[in-house]
């Protein structure tokens, strides 16, 4: 029997309705996939931008150190002005005028006098450590070679790692140690290039004394950087710089009067020397003012890894200014350090905390709560990001 006219219409309607229903899936599913892909690509883009920003901030510090090195070289070699203590004294005076006076006009608990009453002796020790760290490394150039100073100055990195581990409770992952090793390999490559092109500046006499001075200076640098990271994260950048300016200017002034007053009288003062001192002070002041910002954004370890490129920037400038010999190993060293720095910065570190300390810190004025014994509590872990935390309450995960 042939189908009726109504049945034929129903069959045709079924055949026509199916194609009009299928495009719903064809359009919705790609839209969902595109949204997921775009969200993921946006997150990757933000992470990449944050990574590049962290690396770029460290390179700004390296460029400032390059400016410090170039002005010091011109002062010592072209004008025979060997006054490292006086140069540091100028920087501490600038810090005092800008940041210490800022603390002096503040009100309440952040006032200069209130800070001095609570922890003056800690800042006094930190100021002395900062002064002597600069002095020891500069003094080492009189006894050992440039290559030795460059290599042994890397000792600051393990010092910062150990101090951060035990005092700041920072915990590292495998990728961080890989990045650190790559950076140090890049530094070794640069030192090897210096030997090949004959760029071993320095007297090289009494190398043991010079090497010990470098190690001592690097150790003091590490202590200063870790203390700086703690202060800028828990207190304030202005407090750190204000106290360093106060005690640094006081003790460096005493050291200047005792050790360098004769050298200062021998300086042939003219406008060129004055301009070099101004340039040195500007770079040093910029370094001290900007470093707490970068340390808070990254960490003391990341900053010291970034500063490994400062010698290479000075060398690249020296190719044009002082006619240094060029070697392809310098470029290899530069990119090796950058790769190691990006490896280190690609993954965030994390901070191990005691939950009791965390609760007590979050509620300093709250009631005393009986807590279980220490053996019954598990350690907590707070993960830190590459950037500055934007949330009020940090995330705490119980391991």
Protein backbone atom coordinates (compact mmCIF):
# COMPACT_ATOMS: atom_id res chain seq x y z
CA UNK A 1 0.00 0.00 0.00
CA UNK A 2 1.24 3.43 -0.84
CA UNK A 3 1.55 5.83 2.08
CA UNK A 4 -1.04 8.49 2.47
CA UNK A 5 -0.37 12.12 1.80
CA UNK A 6 -0.24 12.97 5.54
CA UNK A 7 2.32 10.21 6.22
CA UNK A 8 4.47 11.50 3.38
CA UNK A 9 4.39 15.00 4.92
CA UNK A 10 5.42 13.61 8.34
CA UNK A 11 8.36 11.74 6.79
CA UNK A 12 9.48 14.82 4.92
CA UNK A 13 9.18 16.88 8.11
CA UNK A 14 11.33 14.39 9.98
CA UNK A 15 13.97 14.45 7.29
CA UNK A 16 13.93 18.26 7.26
CA UNK A 17 13.90 18.70 11.05
CA UNK A 18 17.06 16.66 11.70
CA UNK A 19 19.41 18.92 9.72
CA UNK A 20 18.00 21.96 11.49
CA UNK A 21 18.67 20.42 14.95
CA UNK A 22 22.27 19.34 14.25
CA UNK A 23 23.77 22.83 13.89
CA UNK A 24 22.93 23.54 17.54
CA UNK A 25 25.61 21.05 18.62
CA UNK A 26 27.99 22.16 15.90
CA UNK A 27 27.83 25.78 17.12
CA UNK A 28 27.59 25.32 20.90
CA UNK A 29 30.44 22.82 21.29
CA UNK A 30 33.02 24.89 19.39
CA UNK A 31 31.92 27.91 21.40
CA UNK A 32 32.57 26.09 24.67
CA UNK A 33 35.94 24.86 23.41
CA UNK A 34 36.88 28.34 22.23
CA UNK A 35 35.91 29.86 25.60
CA UNK A 36 38.00 27.28 27.47
CA UNK A 37 40.94 27.81 25.13
CA UNK A 38 40.73 31.59 25.35
CA UNK A 39 40.55 31.46 29.17
CA UNK A 40 43.55 29.17 29.32
CA UNK A 41 45.49 31.29 26.85
CA UNK A 42 44.65 34.40 28.88
CA UNK A 43 45.96 32.78 32.06
CA UNK A 44 49.13 31.67 30.27
CA UNK A 45 49.50 35.18 28.90
CA UNK A 46 49.22 36.69 32.38
CA UNK A 47 51.69 34.20 33.85
CA UNK A 48 54.14 34.91 31.03
CA UNK A 49 53.79 38.66 31.52
CA UNK A 50 54.40 38.27 35.25
CA UNK A 51 57.46 36.13 34.56
CA UNK A 52 58.89 38.64 32.09
CA UNK A 53 58.15 41.50 34.48
CA UNK A 54 60.03 39.76 37.30
CA UNK A 55 63.05 39.19 35.04
CA UNK A 56 62.92 42.76 33.68
CA UNK A 57 62.83 44.29 37.17
CA UNK A 58 65.97 42.39 38.10
CA UNK A 59 67.71 43.62 34.97
CA UNK A 60 66.94 47.22 35.92
CA UNK A 61 68.89 46.60 39.13
CA UNK A 62 71.75 45.12 37.09
CA UNK A 63 71.85 48.22 34.89
CA UNK A 64 72.03 50.44 37.97
CA UNK A 65 74.96 48.38 39.28
CA UNK A 66 76.56 48.73 35.85
CA UNK A 67 76.31 52.52 36.21
CA UNK A 68 77.85 52.29 39.68
CA UNK A 69 80.75 50.25 38.34
CA UNK A 70 81.43 52.53 35.37
CA UNK A 71 81.49 55.73 37.44
CA UNK A 72 83.72 54.08 40.04
CA UNK A 73 86.11 52.92 37.33
CA UNK A 74 86.39 56.42 35.86
CA UNK A 75 86.96 57.92 39.31
CA UNK A 76 89.67 55.44 40.30
CA UNK A 77 91.54 55.02 37.00
CA UNK A 78 91.18 58.36 35.21
CA UNK A 79 91.13 60.72 38.20
CA UNK A 80 92.85 58.55 40.86
CA UNK A 81 90.02 59.14 43.31
CA UNK A 82 89.94 55.96 45.43
CA UNK A 83 87.20 56.89 47.89
CA UNK A 84 84.76 53.94 48.26
CA UNK A 85 83.73 54.93 51.79
CA UNK A 86 83.01 58.52 50.76
CA UNK A 87 80.93 57.30 47.82
CA UNK A 88 78.86 55.08 50.12
CA UNK A 89 78.57 57.97 52.59
CA UNK A 90 76.95 60.14 49.89
CA UNK A 91 74.36 57.43 49.26
CA UNK A 92 73.52 57.05 52.95
CA UNK A 93 73.14 60.83 53.26
CA UNK A 94 70.62 60.80 50.39
CA UNK A 95 68.70 57.96 52.05
CA UNK A 96 68.71 59.93 55.29
CA UNK A 97 67.42 63.11 53.65
CA UNK A 98 64.60 61.33 51.79
CA UNK A 99 63.46 58.39 53.93
CA UNK A 100 64.62 59.14 57.47
CA UNK A 101 63.01 62.57 57.36
CA UNK A 102 59.84 60.91 56.05
CA UNK A 103 59.78 58.69 59.13
CA UNK A 104 60.45 61.71 61.35
CA UNK A 105 57.30 63.54 60.23
CA UNK A 106 55.03 60.51 60.52
CA UNK A 107 52.60 60.11 63.37
CA UNK A 108 51.83 57.16 65.63
CA UNK A 109 53.61 53.82 65.71
CA UNK A 110 55.38 54.40 62.38
CA UNK A 111 57.16 57.48 63.68
CA UNK A 112 60.96 57.51 63.77
CA UNK A 113 61.18 57.70 67.57
CA UNK A 114 58.65 54.89 68.04
CA UNK A 115 60.63 52.63 65.69
CA UNK A 116 63.91 53.45 67.45
CA UNK A 117 62.41 52.60 70.84
CA UNK A 118 61.31 49.15 69.67
CA UNK A 119 64.20 47.90 67.50
CA UNK A 120 67.00 50.46 67.25
CA UNK A 121 69.77 47.92 67.93
CA UNK A 122 68.61 45.63 65.13
CA UNK A 123 68.77 48.42 62.58
CA UNK A 124 72.13 49.53 63.96
CA UNK A 125 73.57 46.05 63.32
CA UNK A 126 71.97 45.94 59.88
CA UNK A 127 73.47 49.32 58.99
CA UNK A 128 76.97 48.18 60.01
CA UNK A 129 76.55 44.95 58.02
CA UNK A 130 75.52 46.88 54.92
CA UNK A 131 78.47 49.29 55.19
CA UNK A 132 81.08 46.59 55.68
CA UNK A 133 79.68 44.39 52.90
CA UNK A 134 80.31 47.18 50.40
CA UNK A 135 83.72 47.95 51.86
CA UNK A 136 85.03 44.37 51.90
CA UNK A 137 84.18 43.64 48.26
CA UNK A 138 85.70 46.92 47.03
CA UNK A 139 88.81 46.33 49.15
CA UNK A 140 89.22 42.83 47.69
CA UNK A 141 90.09 44.26 44.26
CA UNK A 142 93.42 45.44 45.69
CA UNK A 143 94.49 41.88 46.51
CA UNK A 144 92.94 39.50 44.00
CA UNK A 145 91.87 39.37 40.37
CA UNK A 146 88.60 40.41 38.79
CA UNK A 147 87.82 36.80 37.86
CA UNK A 148 88.19 35.66 41.46
CA UNK A 149 85.90 38.43 42.68
CA UNK A 150 83.25 37.55 40.09
CA UNK A 151 83.27 33.86 40.94
CA UNK A 152 83.50 34.14 44.72
CA UNK A 153 80.85 36.85 44.81
CA UNK A 154 78.39 34.12 43.76
CA UNK A 155 78.78 32.82 47.31
CA UNK A 156 76.00 35.25 48.23
CA UNK A 157 73.49 32.92 46.51
CA UNK A 158 73.91 29.87 48.82
CA UNK A 159 74.03 32.24 51.80
CA UNK A 160 70.68 33.76 50.83
CA UNK A 161 69.18 30.31 50.17
CA UNK A 162 70.22 28.94 53.56
CA UNK A 163 69.12 32.02 55.48
CA UNK A 164 65.79 32.11 53.63
CA UNK A 165 65.27 28.40 54.38
CA UNK A 166 65.92 28.64 58.12
CA UNK A 167 64.70 32.15 59.00
CA UNK A 168 62.09 33.02 56.35
CA UNK A 169 60.94 29.36 56.08
CA UNK A 170 61.08 29.50 52.28
CA UNK A 171 60.93 26.10 50.60
CA UNK A 172 62.29 25.50 47.12
CA UNK A 173 61.40 23.03 44.39
CA UNK A 174 63.66 21.11 42.03
CA UNK A 175 63.20 23.66 39.24
CA UNK A 176 64.56 26.41 41.51
CA UNK A 177 67.79 24.53 42.14
CA UNK A 178 68.11 23.76 38.43
CA UNK A 179 67.73 27.46 37.64
CA UNK A 180 70.34 28.39 40.25
CA UNK A 181 72.84 25.88 38.84
CA UNK A 182 72.26 27.18 35.29
CA UNK A 183 72.88 30.77 36.46
CA UNK A 184 76.12 29.81 38.18
CA UNK A 185 77.23 27.92 35.06
CA UNK A 186 76.64 31.09 33.08
CA UNK A 187 78.77 33.01 35.56
CA UNK A 188 81.52 30.42 35.22
CA UNK A 189 81.32 30.78 31.45
CA UNK A 190 81.91 34.53 31.80
CA UNK A 191 84.89 33.98 34.09
CA UNK A 192 86.33 31.52 31.57
CA UNK A 193 85.92 34.10 28.81
CA UNK A 194 87.81 36.64 30.94
CA UNK A 195 90.72 34.21 31.24
CA UNK A 196 90.74 33.47 27.49
CA UNK A 197 90.82 37.13 26.45
CA UNK A 198 93.31 38.05 29.19
CA UNK A 199 90.93 40.28 31.13
CA UNK A 200 92.11 39.36 34.62
CA UNK A 201 92.32 42.79 36.17
CA UNK A 202 93.66 43.32 39.65
CA UNK A 203 97.00 43.02 41.33
CA UNK A 204 96.61 39.35 42.12
CA UNK A 205 98.93 39.68 45.12
CA UNK A 206 97.91 38.10 48.41
CA UNK A 207 95.06 36.35 46.66
CA UNK A 208 94.10 34.47 49.80
CA UNK A 209 93.39 37.74 51.61
CA UNK A 210 91.43 39.04 48.63
CA UNK A 211 89.40 35.86 48.33
CA UNK A 212 88.57 35.90 52.04
CA UNK A 213 87.46 39.52 51.75
CA UNK A 214 85.13 38.61 48.88
CA UNK A 215 83.65 35.69 50.81
CA UNK A 216 83.15 37.89 53.86
CA UNK A 217 81.49 40.61 51.80
CA UNK A 218 79.25 38.09 50.04
CA UNK A 219 78.17 36.64 53.39
CA UNK A 220 77.30 40.09 54.72
CA UNK A 221 75.42 40.88 51.50
CA UNK A 222 73.37 37.72 51.97
CA UNK A 223 72.49 38.61 55.56
CA UNK A 224 71.53 42.14 54.52
CA UNK A 225 69.34 40.95 51.63
CA UNK A 226 67.43 38.40 53.72
CA UNK A 227 66.84 40.96 56.48
CA UNK A 228 65.67 43.40 53.82
CA UNK A 229 63.19 40.86 52.44
CA UNK A 230 61.77 40.21 55.90
CA UNK A 231 61.39 43.93 56.65
CA UNK A 232 59.77 44.95 53.36
CA UNK A 233 57.30 42.05 53.55
CA UNK A 234 56.34 42.46 57.20
CA UNK A 235 57.01 46.12 58.00
CA UNK A 236 57.62 48.69 55.26
CA UNK A 237 60.08 49.75 52.60
CA UNK A 238 60.29 53.30 53.94
CA UNK A 239 61.16 52.05 57.43
CA UNK A 240 63.99 49.89 56.09
CA UNK A 241 65.50 52.64 53.94
CA UNK A 242 65.02 55.28 56.63
CA UNK A 243 66.82 53.23 59.27
CA UNK A 244 69.60 52.27 56.83
CA UNK A 245 70.02 55.94 55.98
CA UNK A 246 70.18 56.92 59.65
CA UNK A 247 72.70 54.37 60.89
CA UNK A 248 74.53 54.06 57.56
CA UNK A 249 75.31 57.76 57.37
CA UNK A 250 76.41 57.81 61.03
CA UNK A 251 78.79 54.83 60.92
CA UNK A 252 80.09 55.45 57.40
CA UNK A 253 80.83 59.04 58.45
CA UNK A 254 82.93 57.72 61.34
CA UNK A 255 84.70 55.25 59.03
CA UNK A 256 85.31 58.03 56.50
CA UNK A 257 86.88 60.30 59.13
CA UNK A 258 89.17 57.52 60.37
CA UNK A 259 90.22 55.74 57.17
CA UNK A 260 89.70 57.96 54.15
CA UNK A 261 90.10 61.62 55.12
CA UNK A 262 93.60 61.79 53.59
CA UNK A 263 92.48 60.26 50.31
CA UNK A 264 89.59 62.72 50.14
CA UNK A 265 91.99 65.66 50.45
CA UNK A 266 94.05 64.36 47.50
CA UNK A 267 91.09 64.35 45.08
CA UNK A 268 91.66 66.92 42.27
CA UNK A 269 88.21 68.47 42.41
CA UNK A 270 86.70 69.79 39.18
CA UNK A 271 83.34 69.64 37.39
CA UNK A 272 84.08 66.23 35.80
CA UNK A 273 84.83 64.58 39.13
CA UNK A 274 81.79 66.24 40.66
CA UNK A 275 79.62 64.93 37.82
CA UNK A 276 80.97 61.40 38.31
CA UNK A 277 80.20 61.55 42.03
CA UNK A 278 76.69 62.77 41.25
CA UNK A 279 76.21 59.94 38.73
CA UNK A 280 77.49 57.35 41.19
CA UNK A 281 75.24 58.66 43.98
CA UNK A 282 72.20 58.72 41.68
CA UNK A 283 72.74 55.09 40.58
CA UNK A 284 73.40 53.92 44.14
CA UNK A 285 70.37 55.77 45.50
CA UNK A 286 68.22 54.32 42.73
CA UNK A 287 69.53 50.83 43.50
CA UNK A 288 68.77 51.10 47.22
CA UNK A 289 65.34 52.64 46.61
CA UNK A 290 64.25 50.18 43.92
CA UNK A 291 65.70 46.95 45.32
CA UNK A 292 63.08 46.60 48.12
CA UNK A 293 60.36 46.87 45.47
CA UNK A 294 61.90 44.04 43.42
CA UNK A 295 62.57 41.90 46.50
CA UNK A 296 58.94 42.21 47.58
CA UNK A 297 57.80 41.35 44.05
CA UNK A 298 60.15 38.34 43.74
CA UNK A 299 62.59 37.35 46.51
CA UNK A 300 66.12 37.99 47.75
CA UNK A 301 67.35 34.87 45.94
CA UNK A 302 65.82 35.93 42.61
CA UNK A 303 67.34 39.41 42.96
CA UNK A 304 70.84 38.03 43.53
CA UNK A 305 70.47 35.74 40.52
CA UNK A 306 69.42 38.75 38.44
CA UNK A 307 72.45 40.73 39.56
CA UNK A 308 74.77 38.16 37.97
CA UNK A 309 74.24 39.93 34.64
CA UNK A 310 75.55 43.26 36.00
CA UNK A 311 79.17 42.32 35.20
CA UNK A 312 78.15 41.47 31.65
CA UNK A 313 76.44 44.84 31.17
CA UNK A 314 79.61 46.52 32.42
CA UNK A 315 81.64 44.42 30.02
CA UNK A 316 79.43 45.27 27.04
CA UNK A 317 79.83 48.97 27.88
CA UNK A 318 83.57 48.43 28.28
CA UNK A 319 83.78 47.11 24.71
CA UNK A 320 83.07 50.66 23.52
CA UNK A 321 84.41 52.78 26.38
CA UNK A 322 87.55 50.88 27.42
CA UNK A 323 88.16 48.78 24.27
CA UNK A 324 87.82 45.41 25.95
CA UNK A 325 88.35 42.31 23.84
CA UNK A 326 85.17 40.53 22.82
CA UNK A 327 84.43 36.82 23.09
CA UNK A 328 81.37 34.89 21.98
CA UNK A 329 81.37 33.25 25.39
CA UNK A 330 80.15 36.53 26.88
CA UNK A 331 76.92 36.32 24.88
CA UNK A 332 76.59 32.63 25.77
CA UNK A 333 77.07 33.52 29.43
CA UNK A 334 74.47 36.29 29.27
CA UNK A 335 71.77 34.11 27.73
CA UNK A 336 72.64 31.19 30.02
CA UNK A 337 72.08 33.38 33.08
CA UNK A 338 68.78 34.66 31.65
CA UNK A 339 67.61 31.09 30.97
CA UNK A 340 68.49 30.07 34.52
CA UNK A 341 66.71 33.13 35.89
CA UNK A 342 63.56 32.34 33.91
CA UNK A 343 63.69 28.73 35.10
CA UNK A 344 63.92 29.91 38.70
CA UNK A 345 61.09 32.43 38.27
CA UNK A 346 58.82 30.06 36.34
CA UNK A 347 57.56 28.38 39.53
CA UNK A 348 56.69 30.02 42.81
CA UNK A 349 58.35 29.08 46.06
CA UNK A 350 56.28 28.32 49.14
CA UNK A 351 56.55 29.18 52.81
CA UNK A 352 56.17 26.57 55.54
CA UNK A 353 54.36 27.94 58.58
CA UNK A 354 53.32 26.74 62.00
CA UNK A 355 49.50 27.07 62.21
CA UNK A 356 49.73 28.32 65.80
CA UNK A 357 52.09 31.11 64.77
CA UNK A 358 49.81 31.95 61.84
CA UNK A 359 46.70 32.22 64.02
CA UNK A 360 48.49 34.23 66.64
CA UNK A 361 49.78 36.62 63.99
CA UNK A 362 46.35 37.07 62.45
CA UNK A 363 44.74 37.71 65.87
CA UNK A 364 47.37 39.51 67.95
CA UNK A 365 44.81 41.09 70.28
CA UNK A 366 42.32 38.24 70.40
CA UNK A 367 41.66 35.91 73.31
CA UNK A 368 44.07 33.17 74.19
CA UNK A 369 42.87 29.86 72.81
CA UNK A 370 44.00 26.49 74.10
CA UNK A 371 45.65 24.64 71.26
CA UNK A 372 46.52 20.96 71.05
CA UNK A 373 50.01 19.76 71.66
CA UNK A 374 52.59 20.46 68.99
CA UNK A 375 52.90 16.78 68.14
CA UNK A 376 49.22 16.53 67.22
CA UNK A 377 49.38 19.39 64.72
CA UNK A 378 50.48 19.05 61.15
CA UNK A 379 52.58 21.70 59.45
CA UNK A 380 50.85 24.04 57.05
CA UNK A 381 52.13 25.38 53.78
CA UNK A 382 51.37 28.79 52.33
CA UNK A 383 52.09 29.07 48.62
CA UNK A 384 53.41 32.36 47.38
CA UNK A 385 52.94 33.74 43.89
CA UNK A 386 55.37 35.40 41.53
CA UNK A 387 53.58 38.67 42.04
CA UNK A 388 52.32 40.60 45.02
CA UNK A 389 49.41 39.02 46.82
CA UNK A 390 46.16 40.91 46.25
CA UNK A 391 43.94 39.07 48.72
CA UNK A 392 43.65 40.06 52.31
CA UNK A 393 43.58 36.53 53.65
CA UNK A 394 46.39 34.26 52.42
CA UNK A 395 45.47 30.76 51.38
CA UNK A 396 46.69 28.13 53.81
CA UNK A 397 46.71 24.50 52.86
CA UNK A 398 47.26 21.85 55.51
CA UNK A 399 49.73 19.33 54.14
